Full PDB file with SEQRES, HELIX, SHEET, SSBOND, CRYST1, ORIGX, SCALE, CONECT and MASTER records, all heavy atoms in Angstrom:
SEQRES   1 A   38  ARG GLU GLU ILE LEU GLU ARG VAL GLU ILE ASP ILE LYS          
SEQRES   2 A   38  TYR ALA GLY TYR ILE GLU ARG GLU LYS GLN GLN ALA ASP          
SEQRES   3 A   38  ARG ALA MET ARG LEU GLU SER ILE THR LEU GLY ASN              
HELIX    1 AA1 GLU A    2  LYS A   13  1                                  12    
HELIX    2 AA2 ALA A   15  GLU A   32  1                                  18    
CRYST1    1.000    1.000    1.000  90.00  90.00  90.00 P 1           1          
ORIGX1      1.000000  0.000000  0.000000        0.00000                         
ORIGX2      0.000000  1.000000  0.000000        0.00000                         
ORIGX3      0.000000  0.000000  1.000000        0.00000                         
SCALE1      1.000000  0.000000  0.000000        0.00000                         
SCALE2      0.000000  1.000000  0.000000        0.00000                         
SCALE3      0.000000  0.000000  1.000000        0.00000                         
ATOM      1  N   ARG A   1      19.602 -45.169 -49.798  1.00  0.00           N  
ATOM      2  CA  ARG A   1      19.082 -43.928 -49.208  1.00  0.00           C  
ATOM      3  C   ARG A   1      18.018 -44.201 -48.141  1.00  0.00           C  
ATOM      4  O   ARG A   1      18.102 -43.679 -47.032  1.00  0.00           O  
ATOM      5  CB  ARG A   1      18.539 -43.041 -50.305  1.00  0.00           C  
ATOM      6  CG  ARG A   1      17.869 -41.766 -49.788  1.00  0.00           C  
ATOM      7  CD  ARG A   1      17.362 -40.923 -50.915  1.00  0.00           C  
ATOM      8  NE  ARG A   1      16.434 -39.910 -50.442  1.00  0.00           N  
ATOM      9  CZ  ARG A   1      15.826 -39.016 -51.209  1.00  0.00           C  
ATOM     10  NH1 ARG A   1      16.065 -39.011 -52.506  1.00  0.00           N  
ATOM     11  NH2 ARG A   1      14.996 -38.145 -50.722  1.00  0.00           N  
ATOM     12  N   GLU A   2      16.998 -44.998 -48.501  1.00  0.00           N  
ATOM     13  CA  GLU A   2      15.923 -45.246 -47.553  1.00  0.00           C  
ATOM     14  C   GLU A   2      16.428 -45.935 -46.291  1.00  0.00           C  
ATOM     15  O   GLU A   2      16.018 -45.615 -45.169  1.00  0.00           O  
ATOM     16  CB  GLU A   2      14.808 -46.084 -48.208  1.00  0.00           C  
ATOM     17  CG  GLU A   2      14.080 -45.391 -49.337  1.00  0.00           C  
ATOM     18  CD  GLU A   2      14.777 -45.588 -50.683  1.00  0.00           C  
ATOM     19  OE1 GLU A   2      15.902 -46.122 -50.691  1.00  0.00           O  
ATOM     20  OE2 GLU A   2      14.183 -45.216 -51.717  1.00  0.00           O  
ATOM     21  N   GLU A   3      17.321 -46.888 -46.482  1.00  0.00           N  
ATOM     22  CA  GLU A   3      17.886 -47.617 -45.345  1.00  0.00           C  
ATOM     23  C   GLU A   3      18.686 -46.699 -44.413  1.00  0.00           C  
ATOM     24  O   GLU A   3      18.589 -46.783 -43.200  1.00  0.00           O  
ATOM     25  CB  GLU A   3      18.776 -48.745 -45.880  1.00  0.00           C  
ATOM     26  CG  GLU A   3      19.117 -49.822 -44.875  1.00  0.00           C  
ATOM     27  CD  GLU A   3      19.854 -50.965 -45.530  1.00  0.00           C  
ATOM     28  OE1 GLU A   3      19.208 -51.705 -46.300  1.00  0.00           O  
ATOM     29  OE2 GLU A   3      21.056 -51.135 -45.268  1.00  0.00           O  
ATOM     30  N   ILE A   4      19.445 -45.801 -45.012  1.00  0.00           N  
ATOM     31  CA  ILE A   4      20.253 -44.854 -44.234  1.00  0.00           C  
ATOM     32  C   ILE A   4      19.357 -43.908 -43.456  1.00  0.00           C  
ATOM     33  O   ILE A   4      19.572 -43.664 -42.265  1.00  0.00           O  
ATOM     34  CB  ILE A   4      21.210 -44.086 -45.174  1.00  0.00           C  
ATOM     35  CG1 ILE A   4      22.314 -45.020 -45.698  1.00  0.00           C  
ATOM     36  CG2 ILE A   4      21.818 -42.868 -44.462  1.00  0.00           C  
ATOM     37  CD1 ILE A   4      23.100 -44.462 -46.840  1.00  0.00           C  
ATOM     38  N   LEU A   5      18.344 -43.359 -44.096  1.00  0.00           N  
ATOM     39  CA  LEU A   5      17.466 -42.393 -43.441  1.00  0.00           C  
ATOM     40  C   LEU A   5      16.649 -43.081 -42.331  1.00  0.00           C  
ATOM     41  O   LEU A   5      16.411 -42.472 -41.265  1.00  0.00           O  
ATOM     42  CB  LEU A   5      16.546 -41.720 -44.448  1.00  0.00           C  
ATOM     43  CG  LEU A   5      17.226 -40.817 -45.466  1.00  0.00           C  
ATOM     44  CD1 LEU A   5      16.204 -40.169 -46.390  1.00  0.00           C  
ATOM     45  CD2 LEU A   5      18.060 -39.748 -44.781  1.00  0.00           C  
ATOM     46  N   GLU A   6      16.200 -44.309 -42.548  1.00  0.00           N  
ATOM     47  CA  GLU A   6      15.489 -45.028 -41.503  1.00  0.00           C  
ATOM     48  C   GLU A   6      16.360 -45.209 -40.281  1.00  0.00           C  
ATOM     49  O   GLU A   6      15.936 -44.989 -39.142  1.00  0.00           O  
ATOM     50  CB  GLU A   6      15.039 -46.396 -42.026  1.00  0.00           C  
ATOM     51  CG  GLU A   6      14.318 -47.244 -40.960  1.00  0.00           C  
ATOM     52  CD  GLU A   6      13.947 -48.626 -41.482  1.00  0.00           C  
ATOM     53  OE1 GLU A   6      14.839 -49.504 -41.519  1.00  0.00           O  
ATOM     54  OE2 GLU A   6      12.771 -48.824 -41.838  1.00  0.00           O  
ATOM     55  N   ARG A   7      17.618 -45.582 -40.502  1.00  0.00           N  
ATOM     56  CA  ARG A   7      18.533 -45.780 -39.393  1.00  0.00           C  
ATOM     57  C   ARG A   7      18.786 -44.467 -38.651  1.00  0.00           C  
ATOM     58  O   ARG A   7      18.810 -44.435 -37.412  1.00  0.00           O  
ATOM     59  CB  ARG A   7      19.850 -46.352 -39.952  1.00  0.00           C  
ATOM     60  CG  ARG A   7      20.945 -46.419 -38.960  1.00  0.00           C  
ATOM     61  CD  ARG A   7      20.805 -47.549 -37.967  1.00  0.00           C  
ATOM     62  NE  ARG A   7      22.005 -47.525 -37.151  1.00  0.00           N  
ATOM     63  CZ  ARG A   7      23.189 -47.991 -37.551  1.00  0.00           C  
ATOM     64  NH1 ARG A   7      23.286 -48.581 -38.722  1.00  0.00           N  
ATOM     65  NH2 ARG A   7      24.224 -47.884 -36.772  1.00  0.00           N  
ATOM     66  N   VAL A   8      18.988 -43.370 -39.378  1.00  0.00           N  
ATOM     67  CA  VAL A   8      19.200 -42.060 -38.749  1.00  0.00           C  
ATOM     68  C   VAL A   8      18.017 -41.681 -37.884  1.00  0.00           C  
ATOM     69  O   VAL A   8      18.172 -41.242 -36.736  1.00  0.00           O  
ATOM     70  CB  VAL A   8      19.458 -40.983 -39.815  1.00  0.00           C  
ATOM     71  CG1 VAL A   8      19.397 -39.570 -39.205  1.00  0.00           C  
ATOM     72  CG2 VAL A   8      20.817 -41.211 -40.471  1.00  0.00           C  
ATOM     73  N   GLU A   9      16.817 -41.859 -38.412  1.00  0.00           N  
ATOM     74  CA  GLU A   9      15.620 -41.471 -37.670  1.00  0.00           C  
ATOM     75  C   GLU A   9      15.459 -42.296 -36.395  1.00  0.00           C  
ATOM     76  O   GLU A   9      15.148 -41.750 -35.327  1.00  0.00           O  
ATOM     77  CB  GLU A   9      14.393 -41.613 -38.565  1.00  0.00           C  
ATOM     78  CG  GLU A   9      13.114 -41.159 -37.899  1.00  0.00           C  
ATOM     79  CD  GLU A   9      11.960 -40.989 -38.889  1.00  0.00           C  
ATOM     80  OE1 GLU A   9      12.214 -40.858 -40.098  1.00  0.00           O  
ATOM     81  OE2 GLU A   9      10.808 -40.946 -38.429  1.00  0.00           O  
ATOM     82  N   ILE A  10      15.698 -43.593 -36.476  1.00  0.00           N  
ATOM     83  CA  ILE A  10      15.581 -44.441 -35.297  1.00  0.00           C  
ATOM     84  C   ILE A  10      16.645 -44.065 -34.264  1.00  0.00           C  
ATOM     85  O   ILE A  10      16.362 -43.937 -33.066  1.00  0.00           O  
ATOM     86  CB  ILE A  10      15.724 -45.930 -35.695  1.00  0.00           C  
ATOM     87  CG1 ILE A  10      14.523 -46.362 -36.515  1.00  0.00           C  
ATOM     88  CG2 ILE A  10      15.883 -46.806 -34.449  1.00  0.00           C  
ATOM     89  CD1 ILE A  10      14.644 -47.732 -37.114  1.00  0.00           C  
ATOM     90  N   ASP A  11      17.875 -43.854 -34.724  1.00  0.00           N  
ATOM     91  CA  ASP A  11      18.967 -43.518 -33.780  1.00  0.00           C  
ATOM     92  C   ASP A  11      18.684 -42.235 -33.022  1.00  0.00           C  
ATOM     93  O   ASP A  11      18.995 -42.106 -31.848  1.00  0.00           O  
ATOM     94  CB  ASP A  11      20.294 -43.384 -34.555  1.00  0.00           C  
ATOM     95  CG  ASP A  11      20.902 -44.736 -34.886  1.00  0.00           C  
ATOM     96  OD1 ASP A  11      20.371 -45.764 -34.428  1.00  0.00           O  
ATOM     97  OD2 ASP A  11      21.915 -44.767 -35.606  1.00  0.00           O  
ATOM     98  N   ILE A  12      18.076 -41.251 -33.723  1.00  0.00           N  
ATOM     99  CA  ILE A  12      17.812 -39.967 -33.085  1.00  0.00           C  
ATOM    100  C   ILE A  12      16.588 -40.038 -32.171  1.00  0.00           C  
ATOM    101  O   ILE A  12      16.620 -39.621 -31.027  1.00  0.00           O  
ATOM    102  CB  ILE A  12      17.650 -38.867 -34.167  1.00  0.00           C  
ATOM    103  CG1 ILE A  12      18.989 -38.588 -34.852  1.00  0.00           C  
ATOM    104  CG2 ILE A  12      17.093 -37.579 -33.542  1.00  0.00           C  
ATOM    105  CD1 ILE A  12      18.894 -37.621 -36.004  1.00  0.00           C  
ATOM    106  N   LYS A  13      15.512 -40.600 -32.698  1.00  0.00           N  
ATOM    107  CA  LYS A  13      14.261 -40.600 -31.913  1.00  0.00           C  
ATOM    108  C   LYS A  13      14.383 -41.496 -30.677  1.00  0.00           C  
ATOM    109  O   LYS A  13      13.750 -41.216 -29.647  1.00  0.00           O  
ATOM    110  CB  LYS A  13      13.102 -41.098 -32.800  1.00  0.00           C  
ATOM    111  CG  LYS A  13      12.525 -40.035 -33.716  1.00  0.00           C  
ATOM    112  CD  LYS A  13      11.310 -40.568 -34.423  1.00  0.00           C  
ATOM    113  CE  LYS A  13      10.619 -39.462 -35.246  1.00  0.00           C  
ATOM    114  NZ  LYS A  13       9.994 -38.439 -34.385  1.00  0.00           N  
ATOM    115  N   TYR A  14      15.144 -42.569 -30.748  1.00  0.00           N  
ATOM    116  CA  TYR A  14      15.221 -43.515 -29.644  1.00  0.00           C  
ATOM    117  C   TYR A  14      16.575 -43.467 -28.927  1.00  0.00           C  
ATOM    118  O   TYR A  14      16.956 -44.424 -28.252  1.00  0.00           O  
ATOM    119  CB  TYR A  14      14.934 -44.926 -30.161  1.00  0.00           C  
ATOM    120  CG  TYR A  14      13.520 -45.100 -30.667  1.00  0.00           C  
ATOM    121  CD1 TYR A  14      13.173 -44.787 -31.980  1.00  0.00           C  
ATOM    122  CD2 TYR A  14      12.518 -45.521 -29.801  1.00  0.00           C  
ATOM    123  CE1 TYR A  14      11.872 -44.934 -32.430  1.00  0.00           C  
ATOM    124  CE2 TYR A  14      11.208 -45.664 -30.262  1.00  0.00           C  
ATOM    125  CZ  TYR A  14      10.901 -45.351 -31.569  1.00  0.00           C  
ATOM    126  OH  TYR A  14       9.611 -45.481 -32.014  1.00  0.00           O  
ATOM    127  N   ALA A  15      17.268 -42.353 -29.080  1.00  0.00           N  
ATOM    128  CA  ALA A  15      18.604 -42.228 -28.510  1.00  0.00           C  
ATOM    129  C   ALA A  15      18.640 -42.488 -26.996  1.00  0.00           C  
ATOM    130  O   ALA A  15      19.550 -43.168 -26.501  1.00  0.00           O  
ATOM    131  CB  ALA A  15      19.204 -40.852 -28.808  1.00  0.00           C  
ATOM    132  N   GLY A  16      17.656 -41.973 -26.292  1.00  0.00           N  
ATOM    133  CA  GLY A  16      17.624 -42.156 -24.835  1.00  0.00           C  
ATOM    134  C   GLY A  16      17.448 -43.613 -24.447  1.00  0.00           C  
ATOM    135  O   GLY A  16      18.145 -44.130 -23.555  1.00  0.00           O  
ATOM    136  N   TYR A  17      16.534 -44.321 -25.132  1.00  0.00           N  
ATOM    137  CA  TYR A  17      16.307 -45.732 -24.834  1.00  0.00           C  
ATOM    138  C   TYR A  17      17.550 -46.565 -25.198  1.00  0.00           C  
ATOM    139  O   TYR A  17      17.940 -47.481 -24.471  1.00  0.00           O  
ATOM    140  CB  TYR A  17      15.102 -46.258 -25.617  1.00  0.00           C  
ATOM    141  CG  TYR A  17      13.806 -45.571 -25.281  1.00  0.00           C  
ATOM    142  CD1 TYR A  17      13.298 -44.556 -26.080  1.00  0.00           C  
ATOM    143  CD2 TYR A  17      13.076 -45.934 -24.151  1.00  0.00           C  
ATOM    144  CE1 TYR A  17      12.105 -43.931 -25.780  1.00  0.00           C  
ATOM    145  CE2 TYR A  17      11.866 -45.303 -23.848  1.00  0.00           C  
ATOM    146  CZ  TYR A  17      11.395 -44.291 -24.659  1.00  0.00           C  
ATOM    147  OH  TYR A  17      10.224 -43.666 -24.342  1.00  0.00           O  
ATOM    148  N   ILE A  18      18.161 -46.229 -26.333  1.00  0.00           N  
ATOM    149  CA  ILE A  18      19.325 -46.961 -26.804  1.00  0.00           C  
ATOM    150  C   ILE A  18      20.477 -46.793 -25.825  1.00  0.00           C  
ATOM    151  O   ILE A  18      21.157 -47.776 -25.449  1.00  0.00           O  
ATOM    152  CB  ILE A  18      19.759 -46.483 -28.210  1.00  0.00           C  
ATOM    153  CG1 ILE A  18      18.670 -46.896 -29.216  1.00  0.00           C  
ATOM    154  CG2 ILE A  18      21.087 -47.065 -28.610  1.00  0.00           C  
ATOM    155  CD1 ILE A  18      18.844 -46.267 -30.606  1.00  0.00           C  
ATOM    156  N   GLU A  19      20.720 -45.573 -25.352  1.00  0.00           N  
ATOM    157  CA  GLU A  19      21.799 -45.317 -24.405  1.00  0.00           C  
ATOM    158  C   GLU A  19      21.547 -46.051 -23.088  1.00  0.00           C  
ATOM    159  O   GLU A  19      22.498 -46.593 -22.488  1.00  0.00           O  
ATOM    160  CB  GLU A  19      21.953 -43.826 -24.186  1.00  0.00           C  
ATOM    161  CG  GLU A  19      23.100 -43.424 -23.260  1.00  0.00           C  
ATOM    162  CD  GLU A  19      24.452 -43.942 -23.733  1.00  0.00           C  
ATOM    163  OE1 GLU A  19      24.662 -44.010 -24.962  1.00  0.00           O  
ATOM    164  OE2 GLU A  19      25.274 -44.269 -22.868  1.00  0.00           O  
ATOM    165  N   ARG A  20      20.321 -46.041 -22.638  1.00  0.00           N  
ATOM    166  CA  ARG A  20      20.004 -46.741 -21.382  1.00  0.00           C  
ATOM    167  C   ARG A  20      20.273 -48.234 -21.488  1.00  0.00           C  
ATOM    168  O   ARG A  20      20.858 -48.840 -20.584  1.00  0.00           O  
ATOM    169  CB  ARG A  20      18.562 -46.488 -20.995  1.00  0.00           C  
ATOM    170  CG  ARG A  20      18.184 -47.083 -19.629  1.00  0.00           C  
ATOM    171  CD  ARG A  20      16.803 -46.624 -19.214  1.00  0.00           C  
ATOM    172  NE  ARG A  20      15.780 -47.124 -20.127  1.00  0.00           N  
ATOM    173  CZ  ARG A  20      14.495 -46.761 -20.099  1.00  0.00           C  
ATOM    174  NH1 ARG A  20      14.105 -45.822 -19.227  1.00  0.00           N  
ATOM    175  NH2 ARG A  20      13.631 -47.253 -20.937  1.00  0.00           N  
ATOM    176  N   GLU A  21      19.896 -48.832 -22.612  1.00  0.00           N  
ATOM    177  CA  GLU A  21      20.147 -50.266 -22.782  1.00  0.00           C  
ATOM    178  C   GLU A  21      21.649 -50.552 -22.925  1.00  0.00           C  
ATOM    179  O   GLU A  21      22.127 -51.594 -22.484  1.00  0.00           O  
ATOM    180  CB  GLU A  21      19.364 -50.827 -23.987  1.00  0.00           C  
ATOM    181  CG  GLU A  21      17.952 -51.154 -23.635  1.00  0.00           C  
ATOM    182  CD  GLU A  21      17.321 -52.188 -24.565  1.00  0.00           C  
ATOM    183  OE1 GLU A  21      18.023 -52.689 -25.489  1.00  0.00           O  
ATOM    184  OE2 GLU A  21      16.138 -52.502 -24.396  1.00  0.00           O  
ATOM    185  N   LYS A  22      22.366 -49.647 -23.544  1.00  0.00           N  
ATOM    186  CA  LYS A  22      23.815 -49.845 -23.662  1.00  0.00           C  
ATOM    187  C   LYS A  22      24.449 -49.867 -22.270  1.00  0.00           C  
ATOM    188  O   LYS A  22      25.348 -50.684 -22.000  1.00  0.00           O  
ATOM    189  CB  LYS A  22      24.446 -48.730 -24.490  1.00  0.00           C  
ATOM    190  CG  LYS A  22      24.247 -48.888 -25.994  1.00  0.00           C  
ATOM    191  CD  LYS A  22      24.937 -47.778 -26.747  1.00  0.00           C  
ATOM    192  CE  LYS A  22      24.796 -47.957 -28.267  1.00  0.00           C  
ATOM    193  NZ  LYS A  22      25.413 -46.834 -29.014  1.00  0.00           N  
ATOM    194  N   GLN A  23      23.994 -48.993 -21.389  1.00  0.00           N  
ATOM    195  CA  GLN A  23      24.525 -48.963 -20.034  1.00  0.00           C  
ATOM    196  C   GLN A  23      24.174 -50.268 -19.295  1.00  0.00           C  
ATOM    197  O   GLN A  23      25.016 -50.826 -18.553  1.00  0.00           O  
ATOM    198  CB  GLN A  23      23.973 -47.763 -19.274  1.00  0.00           C  
ATOM    199  CG  GLN A  23      24.483 -46.430 -19.809  1.00  0.00           C  
ATOM    200  CD  GLN A  23      23.816 -45.238 -19.141  1.00  0.00           C  
ATOM    201  OE1 GLN A  23      23.027 -45.405 -18.221  1.00  0.00           O  
ATOM    202  NE2 GLN A  23      24.123 -44.038 -19.621  1.00  0.00           N  
ATOM    203  N   GLN A  24      22.947 -50.751 -19.482  1.00  0.00           N  
ATOM    204  CA  GLN A  24      22.549 -52.014 -18.863  1.00  0.00           C  
ATOM    205  C   GLN A  24      23.380 -53.174 -19.408  1.00  0.00           C  
ATOM    206  O   GLN A  24      23.799 -54.068 -18.650  1.00  0.00           O  
ATOM    207  CB  GLN A  24      21.051 -52.264 -19.103  1.00  0.00           C  
ATOM    208  CG  GLN A  24      20.139 -51.267 -18.420  1.00  0.00           C  
ATOM    209  CD  GLN A  24      18.700 -51.399 -18.860  1.00  0.00           C  
ATOM    210  OE1 GLN A  24      18.410 -52.081 -19.842  1.00  0.00           O  
ATOM    211  NE2 GLN A  24      17.790 -50.750 -18.170  1.00  0.00           N  
ATOM    212  N   ALA A  25      23.627 -53.150 -20.722  1.00  0.00           N  
ATOM    213  CA  ALA A  25      24.431 -54.203 -21.346  1.00  0.00           C  
ATOM    214  C   ALA A  25      25.874 -54.173 -20.826  1.00  0.00           C  
ATOM    215  O   ALA A  25      26.486 -55.215 -20.588  1.00  0.00           O  
ATOM    216  CB  ALA A  25      24.418 -54.081 -22.859  1.00  0.00           C  
ATOM    217  N   ASP A  26      26.408 -52.976 -20.657  1.00  0.00           N  
ATOM    218  CA  ASP A  26      27.780 -52.840 -20.127  1.00  0.00           C  
ATOM    219  C   ASP A  26      27.884 -53.399 -18.721  1.00  0.00           C  
ATOM    220  O   ASP A  26      28.876 -54.060 -18.376  1.00  0.00           O  
ATOM    221  CB  ASP A  26      28.213 -51.373 -20.137  1.00  0.00           C  
ATOM    222  CG  ASP A  26      28.457 -50.840 -21.548  1.00  0.00           C  
ATOM    223  OD1 ASP A  26      28.629 -51.673 -22.464  1.00  0.00           O  
ATOM    224  OD2 ASP A  26      28.462 -49.606 -21.727  1.00  0.00           O  
ATOM    225  N   ARG A  27      26.862 -53.154 -17.905  1.00  0.00           N  
ATOM    226  CA  ARG A  27      26.865 -53.698 -16.533  1.00  0.00           C  
ATOM    227  C   ARG A  27      26.813 -55.231 -16.572  1.00  0.00           C  
ATOM    228  O   ARG A  27      27.502 -55.893 -15.800  1.00  0.00           O  
ATOM    229  CB  ARG A  27      25.700 -53.130 -15.737  1.00  0.00           C  
ATOM    230  CG  ARG A  27      25.872 -51.664 -15.319  1.00  0.00           C  
ATOM    231  CD  ARG A  27      24.905 -51.281 -14.243  1.00  0.00           C  
ATOM    232  NE  ARG A  27      23.522 -51.291 -14.701  1.00  0.00           N  
ATOM    233  CZ  ARG A  27      22.905 -50.250 -15.235  1.00  0.00           C  
ATOM    234  NH1 ARG A  27      23.549 -49.083 -15.398  1.00  0.00           N  
ATOM    235  NH2 ARG A  27      21.652 -50.346 -15.646  1.00  0.00           N  
ATOM    236  N   ALA A  28      25.970 -55.749 -17.465  1.00  0.00           N  
ATOM    237  CA  ALA A  28      25.867 -57.214 -17.549  1.00  0.00           C  
ATOM    238  C   ALA A  28      27.186 -57.829 -18.042  1.00  0.00           C  
ATOM    239  O   ALA A  28      27.551 -58.930 -17.614  1.00  0.00           O  
ATOM    240  CB  ALA A  28      24.739 -57.581 -18.530  1.00  0.00           C  
ATOM    241  N   MET A  29      27.903 -57.115 -18.895  1.00  0.00           N  
ATOM    242  CA  MET A  29      29.142 -57.643 -19.436  1.00  0.00           C  
ATOM    243  C   MET A  29      30.216 -57.779 -18.371  1.00  0.00           C  
ATOM    244  O   MET A  29      31.169 -58.544 -18.526  1.00  0.00           O  
ATOM    245  CB  MET A  29      29.636 -56.771 -20.581  1.00  0.00           C  
ATOM    246  CG  MET A  29      28.940 -57.015 -21.903  1.00  0.00           C  
ATOM    247  SD  MET A  29      29.146 -58.733 -22.446  1.00  0.00           S  
ATOM    248  CE  MET A  29      30.908 -58.784 -22.706  1.00  0.00           C  
ATOM    249  N   ARG A  30      30.117 -57.022 -17.283  1.00  0.00           N  
ATOM    250  CA  ARG A  30      31.106 -57.144 -16.227  1.00  0.00           C  
ATOM    251  C   ARG A  30      31.119 -58.557 -15.644  1.00  0.00           C  
ATOM    252  O   ARG A  30      32.157 -59.096 -15.318  1.00  0.00           O  
ATOM    253  CB  ARG A  30      30.825 -56.113 -15.134  1.00  0.00           C  
ATOM    254  CG  ARG A  30      31.018 -54.665 -15.580  1.00  0.00           C  
ATOM    255  CD  ARG A  30      30.538 -53.693 -14.523  1.00  0.00           C  
ATOM    256  NE  ARG A  30      30.377 -52.351 -15.097  1.00  0.00           N  
ATOM    257  CZ  ARG A  30      29.730 -51.369 -14.486  1.00  0.00           C  
ATOM    258  NH1 ARG A  30      29.185 -51.566 -13.298  1.00  0.00           N  
ATOM    259  NH2 ARG A  30      29.598 -50.188 -15.064  1.00  0.00           N  
ATOM    260  N   LEU A  31      29.919 -59.133 -15.500  1.00  0.00           N  
ATOM    261  CA  LEU A  31      29.821 -60.511 -15.001  1.00  0.00           C  
ATOM    262  C   LEU A  31      30.340 -61.503 -16.061  1.00  0.00           C  
ATOM    263  O   LEU A  31      30.834 -62.569 -15.699  1.00  0.00           O  
ATOM    264  CB  LEU A  31      28.397 -60.833 -14.605  1.00  0.00           C  
ATOM    265  CG  LEU A  31      27.823 -60.066 -13.420  1.00  0.00           C  
ATOM    266  CD1 LEU A  31      26.388 -60.491 -13.129  1.00  0.00           C  
ATOM    267  CD2 LEU A  31      28.673 -60.225 -12.170  1.00  0.00           C  
ATOM    268  N   GLU A  32      30.175 -61.153 -17.339  1.00  0.00           N  
ATOM    269  CA  GLU A  32      30.693 -62.049 -18.388  1.00  0.00           C  
ATOM    270  C   GLU A  32      32.196 -62.067 -18.412  1.00  0.00           C  
ATOM    271  O   GLU A  32      32.798 -63.011 -18.941  1.00  0.00           O  
ATOM    272  CB  GLU A  32      30.128 -61.616 -19.762  1.00  0.00           C  
ATOM    273  CG  GLU A  32      28.619 -61.594 -19.869  1.00  0.00           C  
ATOM    274  CD  GLU A  32      27.991 -62.942 -19.711  1.00  0.00           C  
ATOM    275  OE1 GLU A  32      28.668 -63.970 -19.933  1.00  0.00           O  
ATOM    276  OE2 GLU A  32      26.790 -63.007 -19.353  1.00  0.00           O  
ATOM    277  N   SER A  33      32.837 -61.044 -17.879  1.00  0.00           N  
ATOM    278  CA  SER A  33      34.308 -61.000 -17.939  1.00  0.00           C  
ATOM    279  C   SER A  33      34.954 -61.804 -16.821  1.00  0.00           C  
ATOM    280  O   SER A  33      36.173 -62.000 -16.815  1.00  0.00           O  
ATOM    281  CB  SER A  33      34.761 -59.512 -17.814  1.00  0.00           C  
ATOM    282  OG  SER A  33      34.445 -58.992 -16.536  1.00  0.00           O  
ATOM    283  N   ILE A  34      34.162 -62.299 -15.857  1.00  0.00           N  
ATOM    284  CA  ILE A  34      34.704 -63.114 -14.769  1.00  0.00           C  
ATOM    285  C   ILE A  34      34.527 -64.562 -15.150  1.00  0.00           C  
ATOM    286  O   ILE A  34      33.425 -65.114 -15.105  1.00  0.00           O  
ATOM    287  CB  ILE A  34      33.984 -62.803 -13.422  1.00  0.00           C  
ATOM    288  CG1 ILE A  34      34.047 -61.313 -13.112  1.00  0.00           C  
ATOM    289  CG2 ILE A  34      34.628 -63.614 -12.294  1.00  0.00           C  
ATOM    290  CD1 ILE A  34      33.237 -60.913 -11.893  1.00  0.00           C  
ATOM    291  N   THR A  35      35.604 -65.202 -15.540  1.00  0.00           N  
ATOM    292  CA  THR A  35      35.547 -66.563 -16.054  1.00  0.00           C  
ATOM    293  C   THR A  35      35.536 -67.586 -14.939  1.00  0.00           C  
ATOM    294  O   THR A  35      36.143 -67.407 -13.892  1.00  0.00           O  
ATOM    295  CB  THR A  35      36.722 -66.841 -16.992  1.00  0.00           C  
ATOM    296  OG1 THR A  35      37.937 -66.663 -16.284  1.00  0.00           O  
ATOM    297  CG2 THR A  35      36.692 -65.923 -18.209  1.00  0.00           C  
ATOM    298  N   LEU A  36      34.832 -68.693 -15.187  1.00  0.00           N  
ATOM    299  CA  LEU A  36      34.770 -69.817 -14.239  1.00  0.00           C  
ATOM    300  C   LEU A  36      35.508 -71.029 -14.776  1.00  0.00           C  
ATOM    301  O   LEU A  36      36.354 -71.613 -14.097  1.00  0.00           O  
ATOM    302  CB  LEU A  36      33.322 -70.169 -13.938  1.00  0.00           C  
ATOM    303  CG  LEU A  36      32.523 -69.135 -13.106  1.00  0.00           C  
ATOM    304  CD1 LEU A  36      31.047 -69.509 -13.089  1.00  0.00           C  
ATOM    305  CD2 LEU A  36      33.067 -69.042 -11.707  1.00  0.00           C  
ATOM    306  N   GLY A  37      35.210 -71.408 -16.025  1.00  0.00           N  
ATOM    307  CA  GLY A  37      35.850 -72.570 -16.579  1.00  0.00           C  
ATOM    308  C   GLY A  37      35.662 -73.781 -15.707  1.00  0.00           C  
ATOM    309  O   GLY A  37      34.547 -74.084 -15.246  1.00  0.00           O  
ATOM    310  N   ASN A  38      36.738 -74.481 -15.393  1.00  0.00           N  
ATOM    311  CA  ASN A  38      36.675 -75.674 -14.543  1.00  0.00           C  
ATOM    312  C   ASN A  38      37.421 -75.455 -13.225  1.00  0.00           C  
ATOM    313  O   ASN A  38      38.013 -76.375 -12.664  1.00  0.00           O  
ATOM    314  CB  ASN A  38      37.286 -76.865 -15.296  1.00  0.00           C  
ATOM    315  CG  ASN A  38      36.429 -77.323 -16.449  1.00  0.00           C  
ATOM    316  OD1 ASN A  38      35.231 -77.472 -16.304  1.00  0.00           O  
ATOM    317  ND2 ASN A  38      37.052 -77.516 -17.592  1.00  0.00           N  
TER     318      ASN A  38                                                      
MASTER        0    0    0    2    0    0    0    6  317    1    0    3          
END                                                                             
């Protein structure tokens, strides 16, 4: 119960920050999808 409620509270209170970082992470992943290898 405590773990679930802590997670809910964080997800709601910090939703804006979390969404912004997800967008930044998605942009960074575009460069990870271009492989170089050898």
